[in-house]
């Protein structure tokens, strides 16, 4: 399945639009990860643990989006947008949402 942020795929015109598809994942942050992130914030650098969580959430949300598009008979999802939000008390949870248009190319 082709998944792209662009609204067109060069050389492959859209034959049918099948509708909007989404994938959402909510992940809880844990105390150990928060401690490591705090240490990274103090000394500078990247927070590998949070980056792992972001990557895992994005991959899961994209898989869900792809599954929904496939169920509609799509062979591509165009115009994909990926959003990250913190929710819950003190931003204790991370939500990754992806949205796009399921199409047949």
N, C-alpha and C. Protein backbone atom coordinates (compact mmCIF):
# COMPACT_ATOMS: atom_id res chain seq x y z
N UNK A 1 0.86 -1.18 0.00
CA UNK A 1 0.00 0.00 0.00
C UNK A 1 0.89 1.23 0.00
N UNK A 2 0.61 2.14 -0.90
CA UNK A 2 1.33 3.40 -0.97
C UNK A 2 0.69 4.37 0.02
N UNK A 3 1.51 4.94 0.87
CA UNK A 3 1.04 5.94 1.83
C UNK A 3 1.93 7.17 1.65
N UNK A 4 1.30 8.30 1.34
CA UNK A 4 2.09 9.50 1.05
C UNK A 4 1.41 10.75 1.61
N UNK A 5 2.23 11.74 1.92
CA UNK A 5 1.71 13.02 2.40
C UNK A 5 1.28 13.92 1.25
N UNK A 6 1.64 13.56 0.04
CA UNK A 6 1.26 14.37 -1.12
C UNK A 6 -0.16 14.05 -1.54
N UNK A 7 -0.78 14.98 -2.27
CA UNK A 7 -2.16 14.77 -2.71
C UNK A 7 -2.24 14.11 -4.08
N UNK A 8 -1.12 14.01 -4.74
CA UNK A 8 -1.04 13.36 -6.05
C UNK A 8 0.16 12.44 -6.08
N UNK A 9 0.08 11.40 -6.91
CA UNK A 9 1.21 10.51 -7.13
C UNK A 9 1.55 10.63 -8.62
N UNK A 10 2.71 11.17 -8.90
CA UNK A 10 3.09 11.43 -10.29
C UNK A 10 2.97 10.17 -11.15
N UNK A 11 2.29 10.32 -12.27
CA UNK A 11 2.13 9.23 -13.21
C UNK A 11 1.08 8.20 -12.84
N UNK A 12 0.39 8.41 -11.72
CA UNK A 12 -0.64 7.47 -11.27
C UNK A 12 -1.88 8.25 -10.84
N UNK A 13 -2.75 8.57 -11.77
CA UNK A 13 -3.93 9.36 -11.43
C UNK A 13 -4.89 8.59 -10.52
N UNK A 14 -5.59 9.34 -9.69
CA UNK A 14 -6.59 8.75 -8.80
C UNK A 14 -7.79 8.29 -9.62
N UNK A 15 -8.13 7.02 -9.51
CA UNK A 15 -9.29 6.47 -10.22
C UNK A 15 -10.57 6.63 -9.39
N UNK A 16 -10.44 6.42 -8.06
CA UNK A 16 -11.60 6.54 -7.16
C UNK A 16 -11.15 7.03 -5.80
N UNK A 17 -11.91 7.95 -5.24
CA UNK A 17 -11.73 8.38 -3.85
C UNK A 17 -12.67 7.54 -3.00
N UNK A 18 -12.14 6.92 -1.96
CA UNK A 18 -12.96 6.03 -1.13
C UNK A 18 -13.31 6.62 0.23
N UNK A 19 -12.74 7.75 0.57
CA UNK A 19 -13.08 8.40 1.83
C UNK A 19 -11.89 8.61 2.75
N UNK A 20 -12.16 9.31 3.81
CA UNK A 20 -11.14 9.63 4.81
C UNK A 20 -10.93 8.42 5.70
N UNK A 21 -9.66 8.13 5.98
CA UNK A 21 -9.32 7.06 6.92
C UNK A 21 -8.41 7.64 8.00
N UNK A 22 -8.49 7.05 9.17
CA UNK A 22 -7.70 7.54 10.30
C UNK A 22 -7.06 6.38 11.05
N UNK A 23 -6.06 6.71 11.80
CA UNK A 23 -5.46 5.78 12.75
C UNK A 23 -5.09 6.58 13.98
N UNK A 24 -5.49 6.10 15.14
CA UNK A 24 -5.18 6.80 16.39
C UNK A 24 -4.60 5.82 17.40
N UNK A 25 -3.59 6.29 18.09
CA UNK A 25 -2.97 5.49 19.14
C UNK A 25 -2.73 6.40 20.33
N UNK A 26 -3.05 5.91 21.51
CA UNK A 26 -2.77 6.65 22.74
C UNK A 26 -1.82 5.80 23.57
N UNK A 27 -0.70 6.39 23.92
CA UNK A 27 0.35 5.69 24.66
C UNK A 27 0.57 6.38 25.99
N UNK A 28 0.72 5.61 27.03
CA UNK A 28 1.02 6.17 28.35
C UNK A 28 2.52 6.31 28.53
N UNK A 29 2.92 7.42 29.11
CA UNK A 29 4.33 7.60 29.46
C UNK A 29 4.52 7.03 30.86
N UNK A 30 5.66 6.39 31.09
CA UNK A 30 5.87 5.83 32.43
C UNK A 30 6.93 6.61 33.20
N UNK A 31 6.99 6.38 34.47
CA UNK A 31 7.84 7.16 35.37
C UNK A 31 9.33 7.00 35.04
N UNK A 32 9.76 5.80 34.65
CA UNK A 32 11.18 5.59 34.33
C UNK A 32 11.57 6.42 33.12
N UNK A 33 10.74 6.41 32.11
CA UNK A 33 11.02 7.20 30.91
C UNK A 33 11.07 8.69 31.27
N UNK A 34 10.15 9.14 32.13
CA UNK A 34 10.13 10.54 32.54
C UNK A 34 11.42 10.92 33.26
N UNK A 35 11.92 10.03 34.11
CA UNK A 35 13.17 10.31 34.83
C UNK A 35 14.33 10.45 33.85
N UNK A 36 14.44 9.51 32.91
CA UNK A 36 15.51 9.59 31.92
C UNK A 36 15.39 10.85 31.07
N UNK A 37 14.17 11.23 30.72
CA UNK A 37 13.96 12.44 29.93
C UNK A 37 14.38 13.67 30.73
N UNK A 38 14.09 13.68 32.03
CA UNK A 38 14.49 14.81 32.87
C UNK A 38 16.00 14.95 32.92
N UNK A 39 16.69 13.82 33.03
CA UNK A 39 18.16 13.86 33.05
C UNK A 39 18.68 14.39 31.72
N UNK A 40 18.09 13.94 30.63
CA UNK A 40 18.50 14.43 29.30
C UNK A 40 18.26 15.92 29.19
N UNK A 41 17.12 16.41 29.73
CA UNK A 41 16.82 17.83 29.69
C UNK A 41 17.87 18.64 30.44
N UNK A 42 18.35 18.10 31.56
CA UNK A 42 19.34 18.82 32.37
C UNK A 42 20.68 18.90 31.65
N UNK A 43 21.11 17.77 31.07
CA UNK A 43 22.44 17.72 30.46
C UNK A 43 22.42 17.98 28.96
N UNK A 44 21.25 18.11 28.38
CA UNK A 44 21.15 18.37 26.95
C UNK A 44 21.16 17.06 26.17
N UNK A 45 20.87 17.17 24.90
CA UNK A 45 20.86 15.99 24.06
C UNK A 45 19.45 15.52 23.76
N UNK A 46 19.39 14.40 23.08
CA UNK A 46 18.11 13.85 22.66
C UNK A 46 17.61 12.83 23.67
N UNK A 47 16.30 12.70 23.73
CA UNK A 47 15.68 11.74 24.63
C UNK A 47 15.30 10.50 23.82
N UNK A 48 16.20 9.54 23.79
CA UNK A 48 16.00 8.32 23.02
C UNK A 48 14.76 7.54 23.43
N UNK A 49 14.46 7.53 24.71
CA UNK A 49 13.28 6.77 25.18
C UNK A 49 11.99 7.38 24.63
N UNK A 50 11.88 8.71 24.68
CA UNK A 50 10.68 9.34 24.13
C UNK A 50 10.63 9.18 22.61
N UNK A 51 11.79 9.24 21.97
CA UNK A 51 11.82 9.05 20.51
C UNK A 51 11.33 7.65 20.14
N UNK A 52 11.68 6.65 20.95
CA UNK A 52 11.20 5.28 20.72
C UNK A 52 9.68 5.22 20.83
N UNK A 53 9.13 5.89 21.83
CA UNK A 53 7.68 5.90 22.03
C UNK A 53 7.00 6.59 20.85
N UNK A 54 7.55 7.71 20.41
CA UNK A 54 6.98 8.42 19.26
C UNK A 54 6.99 7.53 18.01
N UNK A 55 8.10 6.87 17.76
CA UNK A 55 8.22 6.01 16.58
C UNK A 55 7.23 4.85 16.65
N UNK A 56 7.11 4.24 17.82
CA UNK A 56 6.19 3.11 17.99
C UNK A 56 4.74 3.57 17.78
N UNK A 57 4.39 4.71 18.34
CA UNK A 57 3.04 5.23 18.18
C UNK A 57 2.73 5.57 16.73
N UNK A 58 3.68 6.21 16.06
CA UNK A 58 3.48 6.56 14.65
C UNK A 58 3.32 5.30 13.80
N UNK A 59 4.15 4.29 14.02
CA UNK A 59 4.06 3.04 13.25
C UNK A 59 2.71 2.35 13.48
N UNK A 60 2.26 2.31 14.72
CA UNK A 60 0.97 1.67 15.02
C UNK A 60 -0.19 2.42 14.37
N UNK A 61 -0.15 3.75 14.44
CA UNK A 61 -1.22 4.56 13.85
C UNK A 61 -1.24 4.40 12.33
N UNK A 62 -0.07 4.35 11.70
CA UNK A 62 -0.02 4.16 10.26
C UNK A 62 -0.51 2.78 9.84
N UNK A 63 -0.20 1.76 10.65
CA UNK A 63 -0.72 0.41 10.36
C UNK A 63 -2.24 0.39 10.44
N UNK A 64 -2.80 1.06 11.45
CA UNK A 64 -4.25 1.12 11.59
C UNK A 64 -4.87 1.85 10.39
N UNK A 65 -4.28 2.97 9.98
CA UNK A 65 -4.73 3.71 8.81
C UNK A 65 -4.72 2.80 7.57
N UNK A 66 -3.63 2.08 7.38
CA UNK A 66 -3.49 1.19 6.23
C UNK A 66 -4.54 0.08 6.27
N UNK A 67 -4.77 -0.51 7.43
CA UNK A 67 -5.79 -1.57 7.56
C UNK A 67 -7.17 -1.06 7.17
N UNK A 68 -7.52 0.15 7.62
CA UNK A 68 -8.83 0.73 7.30
C UNK A 68 -8.94 1.03 5.81
N UNK A 69 -7.87 1.52 5.21
CA UNK A 69 -7.89 1.81 3.77
C UNK A 69 -8.03 0.52 2.97
N UNK A 70 -7.30 -0.50 3.37
CA UNK A 70 -7.38 -1.79 2.68
C UNK A 70 -8.80 -2.37 2.76
N UNK A 71 -9.44 -2.22 3.91
CA UNK A 71 -10.81 -2.73 4.09
C UNK A 71 -11.79 -2.02 3.14
N UNK A 72 -11.48 -0.79 2.73
CA UNK A 72 -12.32 -0.06 1.79
C UNK A 72 -12.01 -0.42 0.34
N UNK A 73 -10.93 -1.19 0.13
CA UNK A 73 -10.54 -1.56 -1.23
C UNK A 73 -9.49 -0.63 -1.84
N UNK A 74 -8.87 0.20 -1.02
CA UNK A 74 -7.87 1.15 -1.50
C UNK A 74 -6.54 0.46 -1.76
N UNK A 75 -5.75 1.07 -2.66
CA UNK A 75 -4.38 0.62 -2.83
C UNK A 75 -3.39 1.74 -2.50
N UNK A 76 -3.94 2.87 -2.00
CA UNK A 76 -3.09 3.98 -1.58
C UNK A 76 -3.85 4.89 -0.62
N UNK A 77 -3.09 5.63 0.17
CA UNK A 77 -3.65 6.68 1.02
C UNK A 77 -2.83 7.93 0.72
N UNK A 78 -3.52 8.98 0.30
CA UNK A 78 -2.84 10.23 -0.07
C UNK A 78 -3.19 11.33 0.93
N UNK A 79 -2.39 12.39 0.91
CA UNK A 79 -2.65 13.54 1.77
C UNK A 79 -2.56 13.22 3.25
N UNK A 80 -1.66 12.32 3.62
CA UNK A 80 -1.57 11.88 5.02
C UNK A 80 -0.99 12.99 5.89
N UNK A 81 -1.63 13.19 7.03
CA UNK A 81 -1.18 14.16 8.04
C UNK A 81 -0.96 13.40 9.34
N UNK A 82 0.17 13.65 9.99
CA UNK A 82 0.49 12.99 11.26
C UNK A 82 0.53 14.06 12.34
N UNK A 83 -0.23 13.84 13.42
CA UNK A 83 -0.27 14.78 14.54
C UNK A 83 0.10 14.08 15.84
N UNK A 84 0.78 14.82 16.69
CA UNK A 84 1.14 14.33 18.03
C UNK A 84 0.56 15.30 19.05
N UNK A 85 -0.08 14.76 20.07
CA UNK A 85 -0.65 15.59 21.14
C UNK A 85 -0.40 14.91 22.47
N UNK A 86 -0.26 15.70 23.52
CA UNK A 86 -0.25 15.15 24.86
C UNK A 86 -1.63 15.35 25.45
N UNK A 87 -2.10 14.36 26.17
CA UNK A 87 -3.41 14.43 26.80
C UNK A 87 -3.30 13.86 28.21
N UNK A 88 -4.34 14.03 28.98
CA UNK A 88 -4.36 13.50 30.34
C UNK A 88 -3.77 14.49 31.33
N UNK A 89 -3.77 14.08 32.58
CA UNK A 89 -3.25 14.91 33.65
C UNK A 89 -1.77 15.17 33.42
N UNK A 90 -1.42 16.43 33.36
CA UNK A 90 -0.02 16.86 33.15
C UNK A 90 0.60 16.25 31.91
N UNK A 91 -0.19 16.01 30.88
CA UNK A 91 0.34 15.48 29.64
C UNK A 91 0.93 14.10 29.78
N UNK A 92 0.29 13.28 30.60
CA UNK A 92 0.85 11.96 30.92
C UNK A 92 0.68 10.93 29.81
N UNK A 93 -0.09 11.29 28.79
CA UNK A 93 -0.30 10.34 27.70
C UNK A 93 -0.02 11.04 26.38
N UNK A 94 0.41 10.26 25.41
CA UNK A 94 0.72 10.77 24.09
C UNK A 94 -0.27 10.19 23.10
N UNK A 95 -0.88 11.06 22.28
CA UNK A 95 -1.78 10.60 21.24
C UNK A 95 -1.12 10.87 19.89
N UNK A 96 -1.09 9.83 19.05
CA UNK A 96 -0.61 9.98 17.69
C UNK A 96 -1.81 9.72 16.79
N UNK A 97 -2.14 10.67 15.94
CA UNK A 97 -3.25 10.47 15.01
C UNK A 97 -2.78 10.74 13.59
N UNK A 98 -3.21 9.87 12.69
CA UNK A 98 -2.90 10.04 11.27
C UNK A 98 -4.21 10.03 10.49
N UNK A 99 -4.28 10.88 9.50
CA UNK A 99 -5.48 11.02 8.67
C UNK A 99 -5.06 11.14 7.22
N UNK A 100 -5.83 10.51 6.34
CA UNK A 100 -5.55 10.63 4.92
C UNK A 100 -6.77 10.23 4.12
N UNK A 101 -6.64 10.26 2.81
CA UNK A 101 -7.72 9.88 1.91
C UNK A 101 -7.38 8.56 1.24
N UNK A 102 -8.27 7.58 1.43
CA UNK A 102 -8.10 6.27 0.80
C UNK A 102 -8.51 6.40 -0.66
N UNK A 103 -7.66 5.89 -1.55
CA UNK A 103 -7.94 5.99 -2.99
C UNK A 103 -7.53 4.72 -3.70
N UNK A 104 -8.04 4.60 -4.92
CA UNK A 104 -7.57 3.57 -5.85
C UNK A 104 -6.83 4.33 -6.95
N UNK A 105 -5.59 3.96 -7.14
CA UNK A 105 -4.78 4.59 -8.20
C UNK A 105 -4.86 3.77 -9.47
